[in-house]
Amino acid sequence: MKPAFKILSQIFLVFLFGILGCESDTPNNPIKDLATKRSTNQLQFLKPQKSGFNKAFKAEQYVTASEGGTVLLGDETSGYSSIDFMPGDLINNSVIIFEWDSQSFFAELNPHGIYFNNPVRLTLSYNEADVSGVQEENLRIWYYDESQDDWELIGGQVDTEERQVEAYIGHFSKYALAEED
């Protein structure tokens, strides 16, 4: 009798939270009603230091749900970007595809639409970005919501010495570095 009660209680809570629209209000997962959203023309995306500079990276790595792992890409000049999975973060074992374009400072993580059991750490390098006219400490990671055609603020911490921004994400999609106004 107790296991059935526990299952019914969990179903009721899921139903109740669904009706009330309750979501986490942690800094890494803002409440949807209060989320900062911008159209593409409202964000100041980073540009490369050198005119005509174009360097893109792609890494594919098999990561197990039970062991986790890190997908790392980049080089000495461009800096390194990564996504880190702890054991249990992934629902299933997956081939993770991480693409990083250091000309436009956009990342795409695939398989698109995969959600995680726990937020995972995404670190994006802006080593070769022109930060003139940008307040470096205000750089943040933004997620592109295709269904709304908007960029949504994820947030993040800036490391100006390493020239990286780190944030926690809950799913694969398109991400970019831009200044938070």
Protein backbone atom coordinates (compact mmCIF):
# COMPACT_ATOMS: atom_id res chain seq x y z
CA MET A 1 0.00 0.00 0.00
CA LYS A 2 2.83 2.41 0.81
CA PRO A 3 4.52 2.23 -2.64
CA ALA A 4 1.19 3.02 -4.34
CA PHE A 5 0.65 6.00 -2.03
CA LYS A 6 4.16 7.26 -2.80
CA ILE A 7 3.57 7.01 -6.56
CA LEU A 8 0.18 8.76 -6.27
CA SER A 9 1.77 11.51 -4.15
CA GLN A 10 4.49 12.08 -6.77
CA ILE A 11 1.93 12.20 -9.59
CA PHE A 12 -0.15 14.70 -7.60
CA LEU A 13 2.89 16.93 -6.98
CA VAL A 14 3.89 16.87 -10.66
CA PHE A 15 0.30 17.74 -11.59
CA LEU A 16 0.14 20.53 -9.00
CA PHE A 17 3.46 22.06 -10.09
CA GLY A 18 2.35 21.85 -13.71
CA ILE A 19 -0.85 23.77 -12.96
CA LEU A 20 0.89 26.38 -10.84
CA GLY A 21 3.78 26.72 -13.27
CA CYS A 22 6.34 26.45 -10.49
CA GLU A 23 9.91 26.44 -11.65
CA SER A 24 13.25 26.85 -10.00
CA ASP A 25 14.29 30.42 -9.27
CA THR A 26 17.99 29.68 -8.97
CA PRO A 27 20.37 31.99 -10.86
CA ASN A 28 21.14 29.23 -13.36
CA ASN A 29 17.46 28.58 -14.14
CA PRO A 30 15.50 31.83 -14.02
CA ILE A 31 11.73 31.83 -13.61
CA LYS A 32 10.32 31.99 -17.14
CA ASP A 33 8.12 35.04 -16.44
CA LEU A 34 11.12 36.97 -15.18
CA ALA A 35 13.63 35.69 -17.72
CA THR A 36 15.62 38.25 -19.67
CA LYS A 37 14.84 37.81 -23.36
CA ARG A 38 16.20 39.74 -26.32
CA SER A 39 15.87 39.58 -30.08
CA THR A 40 19.04 39.06 -32.08
CA ASN A 41 19.34 42.75 -32.97
CA GLN A 42 19.13 43.77 -29.30
CA LEU A 43 22.24 41.87 -28.21
CA GLN A 44 25.82 42.95 -28.66
CA PHE A 45 27.56 39.74 -29.70
CA LEU A 46 31.34 39.52 -29.61
CA LYS A 47 33.44 40.02 -32.71
CA PRO A 48 36.95 38.67 -33.43
CA GLN A 49 40.06 40.79 -32.76
CA LYS A 50 41.37 40.28 -36.28
CA SER A 51 39.47 41.15 -39.43
CA GLY A 52 38.76 38.09 -41.56
CA PHE A 53 39.53 35.75 -38.65
CA ASN A 54 37.53 32.55 -38.85
CA LYS A 55 38.18 29.52 -36.73
CA ALA A 56 35.60 26.86 -35.96
CA PHE A 57 36.01 23.79 -33.77
CA LYS A 58 34.00 20.60 -33.56
CA ALA A 59 34.36 17.76 -31.08
CA GLU A 60 32.41 14.50 -30.92
CA GLN A 61 32.75 12.33 -27.85
CA TYR A 62 30.89 9.38 -26.40
CA VAL A 63 29.87 10.13 -22.79
CA THR A 64 28.26 7.57 -20.51
CA ALA A 65 25.47 8.45 -18.10
CA SER A 66 27.14 6.46 -15.30
CA GLU A 67 30.64 7.96 -15.60
CA GLY A 68 30.09 11.42 -17.10
CA GLY A 69 32.98 13.16 -18.85
CA THR A 70 34.27 16.35 -20.42
CA VAL A 71 34.09 17.41 -24.04
CA LEU A 72 36.90 19.89 -24.69
CA LEU A 73 37.66 21.84 -27.84
CA GLY A 74 39.79 24.78 -28.94
CA ASP A 75 43.50 25.56 -29.05
CA GLU A 76 46.16 27.70 -27.32
CA THR A 77 45.36 30.77 -29.40
CA SER A 78 41.56 30.64 -29.34
CA GLY A 79 41.30 29.29 -25.82
CA TYR A 80 39.43 26.22 -24.70
CA SER A 81 35.69 25.70 -24.37
CA SER A 82 34.16 22.71 -22.64
CA ILE A 83 31.06 20.99 -21.34
CA ASP A 84 31.36 18.87 -18.19
CA PHE A 85 29.08 16.00 -17.21
CA MET A 86 29.13 14.49 -13.73
CA PRO A 87 27.98 10.87 -13.25
CA GLY A 88 24.18 10.81 -13.51
CA ASP A 89 23.80 14.14 -15.36
CA LEU A 90 22.87 12.44 -18.64
CA ILE A 91 19.72 10.37 -18.88
CA ASN A 92 21.28 8.01 -21.47
CA ASN A 93 24.73 7.37 -22.89
CA SER A 94 25.21 9.77 -25.80
CA VAL A 95 27.59 10.89 -28.50
CA ILE A 96 27.98 14.57 -27.62
CA ILE A 97 28.66 16.97 -30.50
CA PHE A 98 30.06 20.36 -29.48
CA GLU A 99 30.66 23.02 -32.12
CA TRP A 100 32.25 26.40 -31.35
CA ASP A 101 32.69 29.21 -33.85
CA SER A 102 35.27 31.66 -32.55
CA GLN A 103 34.43 34.23 -35.22
CA SER A 104 30.89 34.77 -34.01
CA PHE A 105 31.36 33.21 -30.56
CA PHE A 106 28.40 30.84 -30.97
CA ALA A 107 28.18 27.27 -29.67
CA GLU A 108 25.90 24.49 -30.78
CA LEU A 109 25.45 21.39 -28.68
CA ASN A 110 23.88 18.23 -30.06
CA PRO A 111 21.93 15.98 -30.09
CA HIS A 112 19.59 18.99 -30.07
CA GLY A 113 16.91 18.99 -27.39
CA ILE A 114 18.54 16.55 -24.94
CA TYR A 115 17.69 17.50 -21.35
CA PHE A 116 19.81 16.56 -18.34
CA ASN A 117 19.04 15.14 -14.89
CA ASN A 118 21.16 17.95 -13.41
CA PRO A 119 22.48 21.22 -14.86
CA VAL A 120 25.87 20.78 -16.54
CA ARG A 121 28.75 23.24 -16.71
CA LEU A 122 29.35 24.96 -20.05
CA THR A 123 32.52 27.04 -20.39
CA LEU A 124 32.93 29.26 -23.46
CA SER A 125 36.19 31.00 -24.37
CA TYR A 126 36.37 34.51 -25.77
CA ASN A 127 40.17 34.52 -25.97
CA GLU A 128 40.30 36.02 -29.47
CA ALA A 129 37.35 38.39 -29.09
CA ASP A 130 37.48 42.13 -29.48
CA VAL A 131 36.10 43.38 -26.16
CA SER A 132 36.51 47.07 -26.91
CA GLY A 133 33.16 48.74 -26.27
CA VAL A 134 32.05 45.81 -24.11
CA GLN A 135 32.16 45.61 -20.35
CA GLU A 136 33.94 42.29 -20.09
CA GLU A 137 32.58 41.54 -16.60
CA ASN A 138 29.03 41.76 -18.06
CA LEU A 139 29.53 38.97 -20.62
CA ARG A 140 27.00 36.18 -20.19
CA ILE A 141 25.89 33.02 -21.93
CA TRP A 142 22.61 33.29 -23.81
CA TYR A 143 20.44 30.47 -25.17
CA TYR A 144 18.56 30.72 -28.48
CA ASP A 145 14.91 29.73 -28.10
CA GLU A 146 13.93 28.78 -31.65
CA SER A 147 10.23 28.51 -30.81
CA GLN A 148 10.13 32.14 -29.62
CA ASP A 149 12.87 33.47 -31.94
CA ASP A 150 14.47 35.08 -28.87
CA TRP A 151 17.70 34.85 -26.96
CA GLU A 152 17.23 34.03 -23.28
CA LEU A 153 19.78 34.89 -20.62
CA ILE A 154 21.38 31.87 -18.95
CA GLY A 155 23.88 33.94 -16.96
CA GLY A 156 27.32 32.90 -15.90
CA GLN A 157 30.54 33.88 -14.22
CA VAL A 158 33.27 35.69 -16.14
CA ASP A 159 36.94 34.81 -15.66
CA THR A 160 38.72 37.80 -17.22
CA GLU A 161 42.18 36.23 -16.75
CA GLU A 162 41.28 33.03 -18.64
CA ARG A 163 38.87 34.97 -20.89
CA GLN A 164 36.04 32.48 -20.35
CA VAL A 165 32.41 32.56 -19.24
CA GLU A 166 31.02 29.61 -17.29
CA ALA A 167 27.34 28.83 -16.70
CA TYR A 168 25.13 25.84 -16.01
CA ILE A 169 22.68 24.66 -18.66
CA GLY A 170 19.81 22.19 -18.61
CA HIS A 171 19.67 21.10 -22.25
CA PHE A 172 21.43 21.10 -25.61
CA SER A 173 20.74 23.94 -27.98
CA LYS A 174 22.47 27.00 -29.47
CA TYR A 175 24.36 29.30 -27.10
CA ALA A 176 26.27 32.54 -27.53
CA LEU A 177 28.33 35.05 -25.61
CA ALA A 178 26.90 38.55 -25.40
CA GLU A 179 26.88 41.42 -22.98
CA GLU A 180 24.06 41.63 -20.45
CA ASP A 181 22.68 45.16 -20.38
